Amino acid sequence: MGQKTACPRPKRRKPTHRRRKSNRCRIRRTRRSCRSRRSRRCPTPCLVFTQRRALAIEVNGEAQHLPPVDVSRKSVYSFGIVNRGDKAVVAHIEISPDNAHYASDTEETVQGGETLALVPMRFLRFARISVRTVEPGQTSLVDVYFQAQAVG
């Protein structure tokens, strides 16, 4: 999982000898500075980007469940489905409070060669996606992306 942050550099005392002109955040410094500023009620929280991907999944008529994701600390998240095959695929989001009992949430059909973004309508701690082809005897190739932002 890659993580990137986007937050301003904290204000520091002006050095007497030399001043850095760059205002760009550096990931390690930003994380440390935001943690220290959090106790001082940081006015602009840092956003942390997270991504998971499952590439080249061969899908058939049976539903294939991808590993669940703990979304309890994510502010915004979505699933991206890229159907690289020519057969239609059904993508289905399931949510769970305990990673054992899953409830149905959102279901969409992705035509061959199309890309679709799915966002759950309801919130529970865990979310997972399952994919299958529309017709039982067909196969297709699918890439699934999970992308999220969290305040951190």
N, C-alpha and C. Protein backbone atom coordinates (compact mmCIF):
# COMPACT_ATOMS: atom_id res chain seq x y z
N MET A 1 0.84 -1.19 0.00
CA MET A 1 0.00 0.00 0.00
C MET A 1 0.88 1.24 0.00
N GLY A 2 0.63 2.09 -0.92
CA GLY A 2 1.37 3.34 -0.95
C GLY A 2 0.60 4.41 -0.21
N GLN A 3 1.30 5.24 0.46
CA GLN A 3 0.65 6.33 1.18
C GLN A 3 1.33 7.63 0.82
N LYS A 4 0.52 8.63 0.52
CA LYS A 4 1.04 9.96 0.23
C LYS A 4 0.29 10.95 1.09
N THR A 5 0.91 12.04 1.44
CA THR A 5 0.24 13.04 2.24
C THR A 5 0.22 14.35 1.51
N ALA A 6 -0.76 15.16 1.84
CA ALA A 6 -0.86 16.49 1.24
C ALA A 6 -1.26 17.47 2.32
N CYS A 7 -0.28 18.08 2.96
CA CYS A 7 -0.59 19.06 3.99
C CYS A 7 0.52 20.10 4.01
N PRO A 8 0.23 21.28 4.51
CA PRO A 8 1.25 22.32 4.54
C PRO A 8 2.32 22.03 5.58
N ARG A 9 3.49 22.55 5.33
CA ARG A 9 4.59 22.41 6.27
C ARG A 9 4.29 23.27 7.51
N PRO A 10 4.58 22.78 8.69
CA PRO A 10 4.29 23.56 9.90
C PRO A 10 5.18 24.80 9.97
N LYS A 11 4.65 25.83 10.62
CA LYS A 11 5.43 27.05 10.79
C LYS A 11 6.50 26.82 11.85
N ARG A 12 7.69 27.24 11.51
CA ARG A 12 8.81 27.09 12.44
C ARG A 12 9.42 28.47 12.69
N ARG A 13 10.24 28.52 13.70
CA ARG A 13 10.94 29.77 13.96
C ARG A 13 11.88 30.07 12.80
N LYS A 14 12.00 31.32 12.46
CA LYS A 14 12.87 31.71 11.36
C LYS A 14 14.32 31.56 11.79
N PRO A 15 15.09 30.81 11.02
CA PRO A 15 16.50 30.70 11.37
C PRO A 15 17.23 32.01 11.07
N THR A 16 18.23 32.26 11.82
CA THR A 16 18.97 33.52 11.64
C THR A 16 19.98 33.44 10.50
N HIS A 17 20.43 32.25 10.15
CA HIS A 17 21.48 32.13 9.16
C HIS A 17 20.97 31.86 7.74
N ARG A 18 19.99 31.00 7.57
CA ARG A 18 19.57 30.60 6.24
C ARG A 18 18.09 30.21 6.25
N ARG A 19 17.38 30.52 5.19
CA ARG A 19 15.96 30.19 5.11
C ARG A 19 15.70 29.34 3.88
N ARG A 20 14.98 28.24 4.05
CA ARG A 20 14.64 27.35 2.94
C ARG A 20 13.48 27.96 2.17
N LYS A 21 13.60 28.00 0.85
CA LYS A 21 12.57 28.63 0.02
C LYS A 21 11.47 27.67 -0.40
N SER A 22 11.69 26.39 -0.29
CA SER A 22 10.72 25.41 -0.76
C SER A 22 9.57 25.26 0.24
N ASN A 23 8.33 25.26 -0.26
CA ASN A 23 7.16 25.03 0.58
C ASN A 23 6.58 23.64 0.39
N ARG A 24 7.24 22.80 -0.43
CA ARG A 24 6.73 21.46 -0.68
C ARG A 24 6.84 20.58 0.55
N CYS A 25 5.85 19.74 0.75
CA CYS A 25 5.89 18.79 1.87
C CYS A 25 6.84 17.64 1.52
N ARG A 26 7.53 17.18 2.48
CA ARG A 26 8.30 15.96 2.34
C ARG A 26 7.61 14.95 3.24
N ILE A 27 7.40 13.74 2.73
CA ILE A 27 6.53 12.77 3.39
C ILE A 27 6.96 12.51 4.83
N ARG A 28 8.20 12.20 5.08
CA ARG A 28 8.62 11.87 6.45
C ARG A 28 8.49 13.07 7.38
N ARG A 29 8.95 14.21 6.94
CA ARG A 29 8.86 15.40 7.78
C ARG A 29 7.40 15.78 8.03
N THR A 30 6.58 15.64 7.02
CA THR A 30 5.17 16.01 7.15
C THR A 30 4.48 15.13 8.18
N ARG A 31 4.73 13.85 8.12
CA ARG A 31 4.08 12.96 9.08
C ARG A 31 4.50 13.30 10.51
N ARG A 32 5.78 13.51 10.73
CA ARG A 32 6.23 13.85 12.07
C ARG A 32 5.65 15.18 12.52
N SER A 33 5.69 16.16 11.63
CA SER A 33 5.21 17.48 12.01
C SER A 33 3.71 17.48 12.27
N CYS A 34 2.95 16.71 11.48
CA CYS A 34 1.51 16.68 11.71
C CYS A 34 1.18 15.99 13.02
N ARG A 35 1.95 14.97 13.35
CA ARG A 35 1.71 14.31 14.63
C ARG A 35 1.96 15.26 15.78
N SER A 36 3.04 16.02 15.67
CA SER A 36 3.34 16.93 16.76
C SER A 36 2.35 18.09 16.78
N ARG A 37 1.86 18.49 15.62
CA ARG A 37 0.90 19.59 15.56
C ARG A 37 -0.50 19.16 15.96
N ARG A 38 -0.77 17.86 15.88
CA ARG A 38 -2.11 17.38 16.21
C ARG A 38 -2.49 17.76 17.64
N SER A 39 -1.51 17.70 18.52
CA SER A 39 -1.79 18.08 19.91
C SER A 39 -2.08 19.57 20.03
N ARG A 40 -1.58 20.34 19.06
CA ARG A 40 -1.84 21.78 19.05
C ARG A 40 -3.00 22.14 18.14
N ARG A 41 -3.85 21.18 17.84
CA ARG A 41 -5.03 21.38 16.99
C ARG A 41 -4.64 21.94 15.63
N CYS A 42 -4.05 21.09 14.84
CA CYS A 42 -3.60 21.43 13.50
C CYS A 42 -4.78 21.95 12.68
N PRO A 43 -4.75 23.18 12.18
CA PRO A 43 -5.89 23.74 11.46
C PRO A 43 -6.15 23.06 10.11
N THR A 44 -5.12 22.54 9.47
CA THR A 44 -5.30 21.85 8.20
C THR A 44 -4.79 20.42 8.36
N PRO A 45 -5.70 19.45 8.50
CA PRO A 45 -5.28 18.08 8.72
C PRO A 45 -4.61 17.49 7.48
N CYS A 46 -3.73 16.55 7.70
CA CYS A 46 -3.03 15.88 6.61
C CYS A 46 -3.93 14.80 6.03
N LEU A 47 -3.95 14.66 4.72
CA LEU A 47 -4.70 13.61 4.05
C LEU A 47 -3.74 12.52 3.62
N VAL A 48 -4.06 11.29 3.96
CA VAL A 48 -3.23 10.15 3.61
C VAL A 48 -3.97 9.33 2.57
N PHE A 49 -3.33 9.10 1.43
CA PHE A 49 -3.91 8.32 0.34
C PHE A 49 -3.47 6.87 0.46
N THR A 50 -4.41 5.93 0.29
CA THR A 50 -4.13 4.51 0.37
C THR A 50 -4.68 3.83 -0.87
N GLN A 51 -3.95 2.86 -1.37
CA GLN A 51 -4.43 2.12 -2.54
C GLN A 51 -4.09 0.65 -2.40
N ARG A 52 -5.02 -0.20 -2.79
CA ARG A 52 -4.80 -1.64 -2.93
C ARG A 52 -5.28 -2.02 -4.32
N ARG A 53 -4.65 -3.01 -4.91
CA ARG A 53 -5.11 -3.43 -6.23
C ARG A 53 -4.93 -4.93 -6.39
N ALA A 54 -5.86 -5.51 -7.11
CA ALA A 54 -5.81 -6.92 -7.49
C ALA A 54 -5.90 -6.93 -9.01
N LEU A 55 -4.82 -7.32 -9.66
CA LEU A 55 -4.74 -7.23 -11.12
C LEU A 55 -4.90 -8.59 -11.77
N ALA A 56 -5.46 -8.59 -12.96
CA ALA A 56 -5.61 -9.78 -13.81
C ALA A 56 -6.32 -10.92 -13.09
N ILE A 57 -7.49 -10.63 -12.55
CA ILE A 57 -8.31 -11.66 -11.91
C ILE A 57 -9.15 -12.32 -12.99
N GLU A 58 -9.03 -13.63 -13.11
CA GLU A 58 -9.83 -14.36 -14.08
C GLU A 58 -11.18 -14.70 -13.43
N VAL A 59 -12.25 -14.20 -14.03
CA VAL A 59 -13.58 -14.30 -13.44
C VAL A 59 -14.43 -15.26 -14.26
N ASN A 60 -15.21 -16.08 -13.56
CA ASN A 60 -16.17 -16.98 -14.24
C ASN A 60 -17.55 -16.77 -13.63
N GLY A 61 -18.45 -17.70 -13.80
CA GLY A 61 -19.83 -17.56 -13.35
C GLY A 61 -20.01 -17.58 -11.84
N GLU A 62 -19.03 -18.11 -11.09
CA GLU A 62 -19.13 -18.14 -9.63
C GLU A 62 -18.53 -16.86 -9.05
N ALA A 63 -19.15 -16.36 -7.99
CA ALA A 63 -18.67 -15.13 -7.36
C ALA A 63 -17.32 -15.36 -6.69
N GLN A 64 -16.38 -14.48 -6.98
CA GLN A 64 -15.07 -14.52 -6.33
C GLN A 64 -14.97 -13.33 -5.39
N HIS A 65 -14.79 -13.62 -4.09
CA HIS A 65 -14.71 -12.58 -3.09
C HIS A 65 -13.25 -12.16 -2.93
N LEU A 66 -12.99 -10.88 -3.02
CA LEU A 66 -11.64 -10.36 -2.78
C LEU A 66 -11.46 -10.15 -1.28
N PRO A 67 -10.22 -10.05 -0.81
CA PRO A 67 -9.99 -9.88 0.64
C PRO A 67 -10.67 -8.61 1.16
N PRO A 68 -11.21 -8.67 2.38
CA PRO A 68 -11.90 -7.50 2.95
C PRO A 68 -10.92 -6.39 3.33
N VAL A 69 -11.45 -5.18 3.39
CA VAL A 69 -10.67 -4.00 3.75
C VAL A 69 -11.32 -3.36 4.97
N ASP A 70 -10.51 -3.02 5.97
CA ASP A 70 -11.00 -2.30 7.14
C ASP A 70 -11.11 -0.82 6.77
N VAL A 71 -12.33 -0.32 6.67
CA VAL A 71 -12.57 1.05 6.24
C VAL A 71 -12.99 1.96 7.40
N SER A 72 -12.80 1.50 8.62
CA SER A 72 -13.28 2.25 9.78
C SER A 72 -12.58 3.60 9.95
N ARG A 73 -11.36 3.75 9.48
CA ARG A 73 -10.63 5.01 9.64
C ARG A 73 -10.48 5.78 8.33
N LYS A 74 -11.21 5.38 7.32
CA LYS A 74 -11.14 6.05 6.02
C LYS A 74 -12.25 7.09 5.92
N SER A 75 -11.89 8.26 5.40
CA SER A 75 -12.88 9.33 5.22
C SER A 75 -13.69 9.10 3.95
N VAL A 76 -12.98 8.80 2.88
CA VAL A 76 -13.60 8.59 1.58
C VAL A 76 -12.95 7.36 0.97
N TYR A 77 -13.74 6.47 0.38
CA TYR A 77 -13.16 5.31 -0.28
C TYR A 77 -14.07 4.83 -1.39
N SER A 78 -13.46 4.15 -2.37
CA SER A 78 -14.22 3.61 -3.49
C SER A 78 -13.46 2.46 -4.11
N PHE A 79 -14.18 1.68 -4.90
CA PHE A 79 -13.61 0.57 -5.64
C PHE A 79 -13.68 0.90 -7.12
N GLY A 80 -12.61 0.65 -7.83
CA GLY A 80 -12.59 0.82 -9.28
C GLY A 80 -12.47 -0.54 -9.93
N ILE A 81 -13.33 -0.83 -10.90
CA ILE A 81 -13.33 -2.11 -11.58
C ILE A 81 -13.05 -1.86 -13.06
N VAL A 82 -12.01 -2.49 -13.58
CA VAL A 82 -11.65 -2.38 -14.99
C VAL A 82 -11.88 -3.76 -15.61
N ASN A 83 -12.84 -3.86 -16.51
CA ASN A 83 -13.12 -5.11 -17.19
C ASN A 83 -12.27 -5.16 -18.45
N ARG A 84 -11.20 -5.94 -18.43
CA ARG A 84 -10.30 -6.04 -19.57
C ARG A 84 -10.73 -7.11 -20.56
N GLY A 85 -11.74 -7.87 -20.22
CA GLY A 85 -12.25 -8.89 -21.13
C GLY A 85 -13.36 -8.33 -22.00
N ASP A 86 -14.01 -9.22 -22.77
CA ASP A 86 -15.10 -8.78 -23.65
C ASP A 86 -16.47 -9.21 -23.15
N LYS A 87 -16.54 -9.94 -22.05
CA LYS A 87 -17.81 -10.38 -21.47
C LYS A 87 -18.19 -9.49 -20.30
N ALA A 88 -19.49 -9.31 -20.09
CA ALA A 88 -19.98 -8.46 -19.00
C ALA A 88 -19.72 -9.13 -17.64
N VAL A 89 -19.40 -8.30 -16.65
CA VAL A 89 -19.06 -8.76 -15.30
C VAL A 89 -19.95 -8.02 -14.29
N VAL A 90 -20.40 -8.73 -13.26
CA VAL A 90 -21.17 -8.13 -12.18
C VAL A 90 -20.24 -7.91 -10.99
N ALA A 91 -20.14 -6.66 -10.53
CA ALA A 91 -19.34 -6.31 -9.35
C ALA A 91 -20.30 -6.01 -8.21
N HIS A 92 -20.03 -6.59 -7.06
CA HIS A 92 -20.95 -6.52 -5.93
C HIS A 92 -20.18 -6.14 -4.66
N ILE A 93 -20.57 -5.05 -3.99
CA ILE A 93 -19.93 -4.66 -2.73
C ILE A 93 -20.72 -5.24 -1.57
N GLU A 94 -20.00 -5.81 -0.62
CA GLU A 94 -20.59 -6.35 0.60
C GLU A 94 -19.93 -5.66 1.79
N ILE A 95 -20.70 -5.40 2.84
CA ILE A 95 -20.17 -4.74 4.03
C ILE A 95 -20.43 -5.62 5.26
N SER A 96 -19.59 -5.44 6.28
CA SER A 96 -19.69 -6.29 7.46
C SER A 96 -19.27 -5.53 8.72
N PRO A 97 -19.93 -5.78 9.85
CA PRO A 97 -19.50 -5.16 11.10
C PRO A 97 -18.37 -5.92 11.79
N ASP A 98 -18.21 -7.23 11.46
CA ASP A 98 -17.26 -8.06 12.20
C ASP A 98 -16.38 -8.95 11.32
N ASN A 99 -16.37 -8.74 10.03
CA ASN A 99 -15.58 -9.51 9.07
C ASN A 99 -16.01 -10.97 9.00
N ALA A 100 -17.20 -11.29 9.47
CA ALA A 100 -17.72 -12.66 9.40
C ALA A 100 -19.09 -12.70 8.73
N HIS A 101 -19.94 -11.72 9.02
CA HIS A 101 -21.30 -11.68 8.50
C HIS A 101 -21.42 -10.51 7.53
N TYR A 102 -21.63 -10.82 6.27
CA TYR A 102 -21.65 -9.78 5.23
C TYR A 102 -23.06 -9.52 4.74
N ALA A 103 -23.33 -8.25 4.47
CA ALA A 103 -24.61 -7.81 3.93
C ALA A 103 -24.38 -7.22 2.55
N SER A 104 -25.35 -7.39 1.69
CA SER A 104 -25.26 -6.86 0.33
C SER A 104 -25.42 -5.35 0.35
N ASP A 105 -24.64 -4.64 -0.47
CA ASP A 105 -24.75 -3.19 -0.51
C ASP A 105 -25.02 -2.68 -1.92
N THR A 106 -24.03 -2.68 -2.80
CA THR A 106 -24.17 -2.10 -4.12
C THR A 106 -23.77 -3.13 -5.17
N GLU A 107 -24.52 -3.16 -6.27
CA GLU A 107 -24.21 -4.10 -7.35
C GLU A 107 -24.34 -3.38 -8.68
N GLU A 108 -23.35 -3.54 -9.55
CA GLU A 108 -23.35 -2.92 -10.87
C GLU A 108 -22.81 -3.91 -11.89
N THR A 109 -23.23 -3.75 -13.14
CA THR A 109 -22.72 -4.56 -14.24
C THR A 109 -21.70 -3.73 -15.02
N VAL A 110 -20.53 -4.33 -15.26
CA VAL A 110 -19.47 -3.67 -16.01
C VAL A 110 -19.35 -4.39 -17.35
N GLN A 111 -19.64 -3.68 -18.42
CA GLN A 111 -19.56 -4.27 -19.76
C GLN A 111 -18.09 -4.49 -20.14
N GLY A 112 -17.86 -5.32 -21.14
CA GLY A 112 -16.51 -5.60 -21.60
C GLY A 112 -15.79 -4.34 -22.06
N GLY A 113 -14.56 -4.15 -21.61
CA GLY A 113 -13.76 -2.99 -21.98
C GLY A 113 -14.09 -1.70 -21.24
N GLU A 114 -14.96 -1.74 -20.27
CA GLU A 114 -15.36 -0.54 -19.53
C GLU A 114 -14.71 -0.48 -18.15
N THR A 115 -14.73 0.72 -17.58
CA THR A 115 -14.25 0.96 -16.22
C THR A 115 -15.38 1.57 -15.41
N LEU A 116 -15.52 1.13 -14.17
CA LEU A 116 -16.61 1.60 -13.32
C LEU A 116 -16.09 1.87 -11.91
N ALA A 117 -16.59 2.92 -11.29
CA ALA A 117 -16.27 3.21 -9.89
C ALA A 117 -17.48 2.88 -9.04
N LEU A 118 -17.26 2.14 -7.97
CA LEU A 118 -18.34 1.75 -7.05
C LEU A 118 -18.05 2.32 -5.66
N VAL A 119 -19.08 2.91 -5.08
CA VAL A 119 -18.98 3.45 -3.73
C VAL A 119 -20.11 2.84 -2.90
N PRO A 120 -19.81 2.28 -1.72
CA PRO A 120 -20.88 1.72 -0.89
C PRO A 120 -21.87 2.81 -0.46
N MET A 121 -23.13 2.43 -0.34
CA MET A 121 -24.17 3.37 0.08
C MET A 121 -24.28 3.44 1.60
N ARG A 122 -23.89 2.38 2.29
CA ARG A 122 -23.98 2.31 3.74
C ARG A 122 -22.59 2.10 4.32
N PHE A 123 -22.45 2.35 5.62
CA PHE A 123 -21.15 2.19 6.27
C PHE A 123 -21.19 1.10 7.33
N LEU A 124 -20.25 0.19 7.25
CA LEU A 124 -19.89 -0.75 8.30
C LEU A 124 -18.37 -0.87 8.28
N ARG A 125 -17.80 -1.48 9.28
CA ARG A 125 -16.35 -1.46 9.46
C ARG A 125 -15.57 -2.11 8.30
N PHE A 126 -16.06 -3.21 7.75
CA PHE A 126 -15.35 -3.92 6.69
C PHE A 126 -16.13 -3.84 5.38
N ALA A 127 -15.39 -3.82 4.28
CA ALA A 127 -16.01 -3.84 2.96
C ALA A 127 -15.19 -4.78 2.07
N ARG A 128 -15.86 -5.49 1.21
CA ARG A 128 -15.19 -6.33 0.23
C ARG A 128 -15.99 -6.30 -1.07
N ILE A 129 -15.37 -6.72 -2.13
CA ILE A 129 -16.04 -6.74 -3.41
C ILE A 129 -15.97 -8.15 -3.97
N SER A 130 -17.03 -8.55 -4.62
CA SER A 130 -17.04 -9.85 -5.29
C SER A 130 -17.38 -9.61 -6.76
N VAL A 131 -16.78 -10.41 -7.61
CA VAL A 131 -16.99 -10.28 -9.05
C VAL A 131 -17.34 -11.63 -9.65
N ARG A 132 -18.18 -11.59 -10.70
CA ARG A 132 -18.55 -12.79 -11.45
C ARG A 132 -19.03 -12.34 -12.82
N THR A 133 -19.03 -13.26 -13.77
CA THR A 133 -19.56 -12.93 -15.08
C THR A 133 -21.08 -13.03 -15.05
N VAL A 134 -21.73 -12.35 -15.98
CA VAL A 134 -23.19 -12.36 -16.04
C VAL A 134 -23.69 -13.75 -16.46
N GLU A 135 -23.07 -14.30 -17.48
CA GLU A 135 -23.43 -15.64 -17.97
C GLU A 135 -22.54 -16.68 -17.29
N PRO A 136 -23.10 -17.78 -16.79
CA PRO A 136 -22.33 -18.76 -16.02
C PRO A 136 -21.16 -19.42 -16.76
N GLY A 137 -21.25 -19.67 -18.05
CA GLY A 137 -20.20 -20.40 -18.76
C GLY A 137 -19.08 -19.52 -19.31
N GLN A 138 -19.14 -18.23 -19.12
CA GLN A 138 -18.17 -17.32 -19.72
C GLN A 138 -17.06 -16.96 -18.73
N THR A 139 -15.93 -16.47 -19.27
CA THR A 139 -14.84 -15.98 -18.44
C THR A 139 -14.43 -14.59 -18.91
N SER A 140 -13.86 -13.82 -18.01
CA SER A 140 -13.40 -12.48 -18.33
C SER A 140 -12.22 -12.13 -17.43
N LEU A 141 -11.49 -11.10 -17.79
CA LEU A 141 -10.33 -10.66 -17.02
C LEU A 141 -10.63 -9.29 -16.40
N VAL A 142 -10.40 -9.16 -15.08
CA VAL A 142 -10.80 -7.96 -14.35
C VAL A 142 -9.65 -7.46 -13.47
N ASP A 143 -9.49 -6.12 -13.39
CA ASP A 143 -8.60 -5.48 -12.43
C ASP A 143 -9.48 -4.75 -11.43
N VAL A 144 -9.18 -4.89 -10.14
CA VAL A 144 -9.96 -4.22 -9.09
C VAL A 144 -9.03 -3.35 -8.26
N TYR A 145 -9.42 -2.09 -8.07
CA TYR A 145 -8.64 -1.13 -7.29
C TYR A 145 -9.48 -0.67 -6.10
N PHE A 146 -8.83 -0.55 -4.94
CA PHE A 146 -9.45 0.07 -3.77
C PHE A 146 -8.62 1.31 -3.48
N GLN A 147 -9.25 2.49 -3.44
CA GLN A 147 -8.54 3.72 -3.16
C GLN A 147 -9.29 4.48 -2.07
N ALA A 148 -8.51 5.06 -1.14
CA ALA A 148 -9.13 5.75 0.01
C ALA A 148 -8.28 6.91 0.46
N GLN A 149 -8.95 7.84 1.14
CA GLN A 149 -8.28 8.95 1.80
C GLN A 149 -8.67 8.92 3.27
N ALA A 150 -7.70 9.23 4.11
CA ALA A 150 -7.96 9.28 5.55
C ALA A 150 -7.26 10.52 6.10
N VAL A 151 -7.81 11.05 7.18
CA VAL A 151 -7.19 12.17 7.85
C VAL A 151 -6.16 11.58 8.81
N GLY A 152 -4.94 12.00 8.67
CA GLY A 152 -3.96 11.40 9.55
C GLY A 152 -2.74 12.16 9.67
